[in-house]
Amino acid sequence: MKIAGKHILATTPERAYELLQDPEVLAKSMPGCDQLNRIGPDEYEMKMKMAISSIQGLFAGKVKIEDPHPPESFKLVVEGTGKVGFMKGSGVLHLSPQESSTEVAFEGDVQVGGMIAGVGQRLVETTAKFIIRKFFDKLTEQVGATQTASPASMPDQ
């Protein structure tokens, strides 16, 4: 299944790239993510809960960042397995400046197997889009939380 989309983050491409590489930020942004631990350079071990229709389960897997070109792009490779099946995916994220914000465009492929695949591609696709939207919503919240307010101008006394 192919996935693609765009999202705007209210920060610079450099800061957006940095946040998208931060395991703590990613763990807080990924719906259902219980943990994301660094196991090597640009490689993380993850545990997450996932639910599609009436099928739900715990997945263990890896997230790997490949082909980094800061702050313009990188490839993200994700794979996970659980009692209800497996998922594998990879995608390229492109970051480009848009006035005072950054557009994050992504495109990639996702494969699922096991009971998850049994719910049908349409439901898997709808769930994937929902998870991606929630990821960017939570990431947007974190961008706002990490922005530093500029000091208010104080009158001379």
C-alpha atoms as a PDB file:
ATOM      1  CA  MET A   1       0.000   0.000   0.000  1.00  0.00           C
ATOM      2  CA  LYS A   2       1.322   3.432  -0.947  1.00  0.00           C
ATOM      3  CA  ILE A   3       1.092   6.348   1.461  1.00  0.00           C
ATOM      4  CA  ALA A   4       1.786  10.002   0.778  1.00  0.00           C
ATOM      5  CA  GLY A   5       0.895  13.360   2.208  1.00  0.00           C
ATOM      6  CA  LYS A   6       2.047  16.729   3.495  1.00  0.00           C
ATOM      7  CA  HIS A   7       1.963  18.554   6.788  1.00  0.00           C
ATOM      8  CA  ILE A   8       3.035  22.039   7.870  1.00  0.00           C
ATOM      9  CA  LEU A   9       5.076  22.533  11.056  1.00  0.00           C
ATOM     10  CA  ALA A  10       5.402  26.039  12.486  1.00  0.00           C
ATOM     11  CA  THR A  11       9.182  25.959  12.792  1.00  0.00           C
ATOM     12  CA  THR A  12      12.324  26.102  10.661  1.00  0.00           C
ATOM     13  CA  PRO A  13      13.404  23.116   8.536  1.00  0.00           C
ATOM     14  CA  GLU A  14      16.477  22.727  10.775  1.00  0.00           C
ATOM     15  CA  ARG A  15      14.357  22.515  13.938  1.00  0.00           C
ATOM     16  CA  ALA A  16      11.761  20.252  12.279  1.00  0.00           C
ATOM     17  CA  TYR A  17      14.531  17.899  11.113  1.00  0.00           C
ATOM     18  CA  GLU A  18      16.023  17.867  14.621  1.00  0.00           C
ATOM     19  CA  LEU A  19      12.656  17.039  16.200  1.00  0.00           C
ATOM     20  CA  LEU A  20      12.006  14.257  13.684  1.00  0.00           C
ATOM     21  CA  GLN A  21      15.336  12.681  14.705  1.00  0.00           C
ATOM     22  CA  ASP A  22      14.703  12.919  18.479  1.00  0.00           C
ATOM     23  CA  PRO A  23      13.568   9.544  19.914  1.00  0.00           C
ATOM     24  CA  GLU A  24      11.803  11.209  22.860  1.00  0.00           C
ATOM     25  CA  VAL A  25       9.788  13.464  20.553  1.00  0.00           C
ATOM     26  CA  LEU A  26       9.014  10.566  18.197  1.00  0.00           C
ATOM     27  CA  ALA A  27       7.894   8.306  21.058  1.00  0.00           C
ATOM     28  CA  LYS A  28       5.513  11.017  22.322  1.00  0.00           C
ATOM     29  CA  SER A  29       4.198  11.610  18.801  1.00  0.00           C
ATOM     30  CA  MET A  30       3.637   8.016  17.639  1.00  0.00           C
ATOM     31  CA  PRO A  31       0.143   6.847  18.660  1.00  0.00           C
ATOM     32  CA  GLY A  32       0.343   3.726  20.815  1.00  0.00           C
ATOM     33  CA  CYS A  33       4.118   3.924  21.259  1.00  0.00           C
ATOM     34  CA  ASP A  34       5.138   2.488  24.637  1.00  0.00           C
ATOM     35  CA  GLN A  35       8.876   2.892  24.152  1.00  0.00           C
ATOM     36  CA  LEU A  36      11.501   3.893  21.641  1.00  0.00           C
ATOM     37  CA  ASN A  37      15.088   3.180  22.689  1.00  0.00           C
ATOM     38  CA  ARG A  38      18.281   3.879  20.772  1.00  0.00           C
ATOM     39  CA  ILE A  39      20.133   0.645  19.965  1.00  0.00           C
ATOM     40  CA  GLY A  40      22.642   2.090  17.520  1.00  0.00           C
ATOM     41  CA  PRO A  41      23.389   5.097  15.380  1.00  0.00           C
ATOM     42  CA  ASP A  42      20.092   6.090  13.752  1.00  0.00           C
ATOM     43  CA  GLU A  43      18.444   2.843  14.911  1.00  0.00           C
ATOM     44  CA  TYR A  44      15.799   2.372  17.585  1.00  0.00           C
ATOM     45  CA  GLU A  45      13.903  -0.478  19.179  1.00  0.00           C
ATOM     46  CA  MET A  46      10.192   0.162  19.625  1.00  0.00           C
ATOM     47  CA  LYS A  47       7.183  -1.315  21.355  1.00  0.00           C
ATOM     48  CA  MET A  48       3.741  -0.084  20.436  1.00  0.00           C
ATOM     49  CA  LYS A  49       0.077  -0.994  20.700  1.00  0.00           C
ATOM     50  CA  MET A  50      -1.941  -0.990  17.522  1.00  0.00           C
ATOM     51  CA  ALA A  51      -5.631  -1.514  16.889  1.00  0.00           C
ATOM     52  CA  ILE A  52      -7.360  -1.980  13.554  1.00  0.00           C
ATOM     53  CA  SER A  53     -11.064  -2.683  13.777  1.00  0.00           C
ATOM     54  CA  SER A  54     -11.484  -5.476  16.351  1.00  0.00           C
ATOM     55  CA  ILE A  55      -7.868  -6.631  15.987  1.00  0.00           C
ATOM     56  CA  GLN A  56      -5.405  -5.198  18.436  1.00  0.00           C
ATOM     57  CA  GLY A  57      -2.047  -6.186  19.791  1.00  0.00           C
ATOM     58  CA  LEU A  58       1.396  -5.262  20.962  1.00  0.00           C
ATOM     59  CA  PHE A  59       4.122  -4.933  18.344  1.00  0.00           C
ATOM     60  CA  ALA A  60       7.872  -5.053  18.842  1.00  0.00           C
ATOM     61  CA  GLY A  61      10.170  -3.852  16.128  1.00  0.00           C
ATOM     62  CA  LYS A  62      12.768  -1.428  14.880  1.00  0.00           C
ATOM     63  CA  VAL A  63      12.844   2.062  13.462  1.00  0.00           C
ATOM     64  CA  LYS A  64      15.836   3.018  11.356  1.00  0.00           C
ATOM     65  CA  ILE A  65      16.831   6.338   9.807  1.00  0.00           C
ATOM     66  CA  GLU A  66      18.642   5.980   6.494  1.00  0.00           C
ATOM     67  CA  ASP A  67      20.062   8.300   3.868  1.00  0.00           C
ATOM     68  CA  PRO A  68      20.044  11.465   6.032  1.00  0.00           C
ATOM     69  CA  HIS A  69      20.426  14.823   4.271  1.00  0.00           C
ATOM     70  CA  PRO A  70      19.908  17.384   7.049  1.00  0.00           C
ATOM     71  CA  PRO A  71      17.756  19.434   7.014  1.00  0.00           C
ATOM     72  CA  GLU A  72      16.195  18.484   3.662  1.00  0.00           C
ATOM     73  CA  SER A  73      15.311  14.785   3.834  1.00  0.00           C
ATOM     74  CA  PHE A  74      15.751  11.312   5.282  1.00  0.00           C
ATOM     75  CA  LYS A  75      14.350   7.827   4.847  1.00  0.00           C
ATOM     76  CA  LEU A  76      12.504   6.116   7.682  1.00  0.00           C
ATOM     77  CA  VAL A  77      12.295   2.301   7.783  1.00  0.00           C
ATOM     78  CA  VAL A  78       9.906   0.679  10.271  1.00  0.00           C
ATOM     79  CA  GLU A  79       9.197  -2.986  10.910  1.00  0.00           C
ATOM     80  CA  GLY A  80       7.243  -4.663  13.644  1.00  0.00           C
ATOM     81  CA  THR A  81       5.779  -8.025  14.535  1.00  0.00           C
ATOM     82  CA  GLY A  82       3.184  -9.161  17.011  1.00  0.00           C
ATOM     83  CA  LYS A  83       0.678 -11.949  17.639  1.00  0.00           C
ATOM     84  CA  VAL A  84      -1.777 -10.361  15.204  1.00  0.00           C
ATOM     85  CA  GLY A  85       0.656 -10.036  12.309  1.00  0.00           C
ATOM     86  CA  PHE A  86       3.457  -7.912  10.999  1.00  0.00           C
ATOM     87  CA  MET A  87       4.010  -4.569   9.357  1.00  0.00           C
ATOM     88  CA  LYS A  88       6.896  -3.229   7.316  1.00  0.00           C
ATOM     89  CA  GLY A  89       7.177   0.206   5.894  1.00  0.00           C
ATOM     90  CA  SER A  90       9.602   2.705   4.497  1.00  0.00           C
ATOM     91  CA  GLY A  91       9.210   6.237   3.370  1.00  0.00           C
ATOM     92  CA  VAL A  92      11.103   9.371   2.504  1.00  0.00           C
ATOM     93  CA  LEU A  93      10.385  12.629   4.293  1.00  0.00           C
ATOM     94  CA  HIS A  94      11.220  15.888   2.496  1.00  0.00           C
ATOM     95  CA  LEU A  95      11.378  19.121   4.468  1.00  0.00           C
ATOM     96  CA  SER A  96      11.105  22.451   2.694  1.00  0.00           C
ATOM     97  CA  PRO A  97      10.800  26.009   4.009  1.00  0.00           C
ATOM     98  CA  GLN A  98       7.406  27.698   3.625  1.00  0.00           C
ATOM     99  CA  GLU A  99       7.650  31.338   4.820  1.00  0.00           C
ATOM    100  CA  SER A 100       7.982  30.956   8.629  1.00  0.00           C
ATOM    101  CA  SER A 101       7.102  27.238   8.610  1.00  0.00           C
ATOM    102  CA  THR A 102       8.265  23.921   7.185  1.00  0.00           C
ATOM    103  CA  GLU A 103       6.355  21.641   4.848  1.00  0.00           C
ATOM    104  CA  VAL A 104       6.977  17.965   5.565  1.00  0.00           C
ATOM    105  CA  ALA A 105       6.068  15.885   2.515  1.00  0.00           C
ATOM    106  CA  PHE A 106       6.202  12.102   2.804  1.00  0.00           C
ATOM    107  CA  GLU A 107       5.791   9.165   0.489  1.00  0.00           C
ATOM    108  CA  GLY A 108       6.339   5.487   1.047  1.00  0.00           C
ATOM    109  CA  ASP A 109       5.088   1.925   1.114  1.00  0.00           C
ATOM    110  CA  VAL A 110       3.531  -0.142   3.907  1.00  0.00           C
ATOM    111  CA  GLN A 111       3.057  -3.911   3.927  1.00  0.00           C
ATOM    112  CA  VAL A 112       0.993  -5.812   6.474  1.00  0.00           C
ATOM    113  CA  GLY A 113       0.443  -9.517   7.021  1.00  0.00           C
ATOM    114  CA  GLY A 114      -1.304 -11.922   9.333  1.00  0.00           C
ATOM    115  CA  MET A 115      -4.659 -11.121  10.907  1.00  0.00           C
ATOM    116  CA  ILE A 116      -4.107  -7.418  10.227  1.00  0.00           C
ATOM    117  CA  ALA A 117      -4.159  -8.045   6.489  1.00  0.00           C
ATOM    118  CA  GLY A 118      -7.424  -9.926   6.937  1.00  0.00           C
ATOM    119  CA  VAL A 119      -9.356  -6.765   7.824  1.00  0.00           C
ATOM    120  CA  GLY A 120      -8.988  -5.496   4.276  1.00  0.00           C
ATOM    121  CA  GLN A 121      -6.822  -2.938   2.563  1.00  0.00           C
ATOM    122  CA  ARG A 122      -9.397  -0.159   2.792  1.00  0.00           C
ATOM    123  CA  LEU A 123      -9.558  -0.383   6.593  1.00  0.00           C
ATOM    124  CA  VAL A 124      -5.761  -0.699   6.873  1.00  0.00           C
ATOM    125  CA  GLU A 125      -5.354   2.374   4.647  1.00  0.00           C
ATOM    126  CA  THR A 126      -7.892   4.389   6.681  1.00  0.00           C
ATOM    127  CA  THR A 127      -6.135   3.392   9.912  1.00  0.00           C
ATOM    128  CA  ALA A 128      -2.701   4.294   8.479  1.00  0.00           C
ATOM    129  CA  LYS A 129      -3.957   7.747   7.472  1.00  0.00           C
ATOM    130  CA  PHE A 130      -5.470   8.220  10.949  1.00  0.00           C
ATOM    131  CA  ILE A 131      -2.193   7.228  12.656  1.00  0.00           C
ATOM    132  CA  ILE A 132      -0.187   9.581  10.418  1.00  0.00           C
ATOM    133  CA  ARG A 133      -2.590  12.469  11.126  1.00  0.00           C
ATOM    134  CA  LYS A 134      -2.403  11.812  14.890  1.00  0.00           C
ATOM    135  CA  PHE A 135       1.408  11.638  14.662  1.00  0.00           C
ATOM    136  CA  PHE A 136       1.601  15.065  13.019  1.00  0.00           C
ATOM    137  CA  ASP A 137      -1.002  16.511  15.432  1.00  0.00           C
ATOM    138  CA  LYS A 138       1.097  15.400  18.411  1.00  0.00           C
ATOM    139  CA  LEU A 139       4.314  16.530  16.722  1.00  0.00           C
ATOM    140  CA  THR A 140       2.732  19.938  16.093  1.00  0.00           C
ATOM    141  CA  GLU A 141       1.880  20.178  19.817  1.00  0.00           C
ATOM    142  CA  GLN A 142       5.501  19.401  20.681  1.00  0.00           C
ATOM    143  CA  VAL A 143       6.796  21.973  18.185  1.00  0.00           C
ATOM    144  CA  GLY A 144       4.635  24.550  19.962  1.00  0.00           C
ATOM    145  CA  ALA A 145       5.878  23.390  23.363  1.00  0.00           C
ATOM    146  CA  THR A 146       9.521  23.625  22.301  1.00  0.00           C
ATOM    147  CA  GLN A 147       9.289  27.070  20.712  1.00  0.00           C
ATOM    148  CA  THR A 148      10.939  29.672  22.861  1.00  0.00           C
ATOM    149  CA  ALA A 149       8.961  32.822  23.344  1.00  0.00           C
ATOM    150  CA  SER A 150      10.757  35.961  22.360  1.00  0.00           C
ATOM    151  CA  PRO A 151      11.256  38.307  25.304  1.00  0.00           C
ATOM    152  CA  ALA A 152       8.738  41.104  25.548  1.00  0.00           C
ATOM    153  CA  SER A 153      10.189  44.527  24.956  1.00  0.00           C
ATOM    154  CA  MET A 154      10.623  46.371  28.185  1.00  0.00           C
ATOM    155  CA  PRO A 155      10.359  50.145  28.395  1.00  0.00           C
ATOM    156  CA  ASP A 156      13.483  51.948  29.558  1.00  0.00           C
ATOM    157  CA  GLN A 157      13.305  52.936  33.199  1.00  0.00           C
END
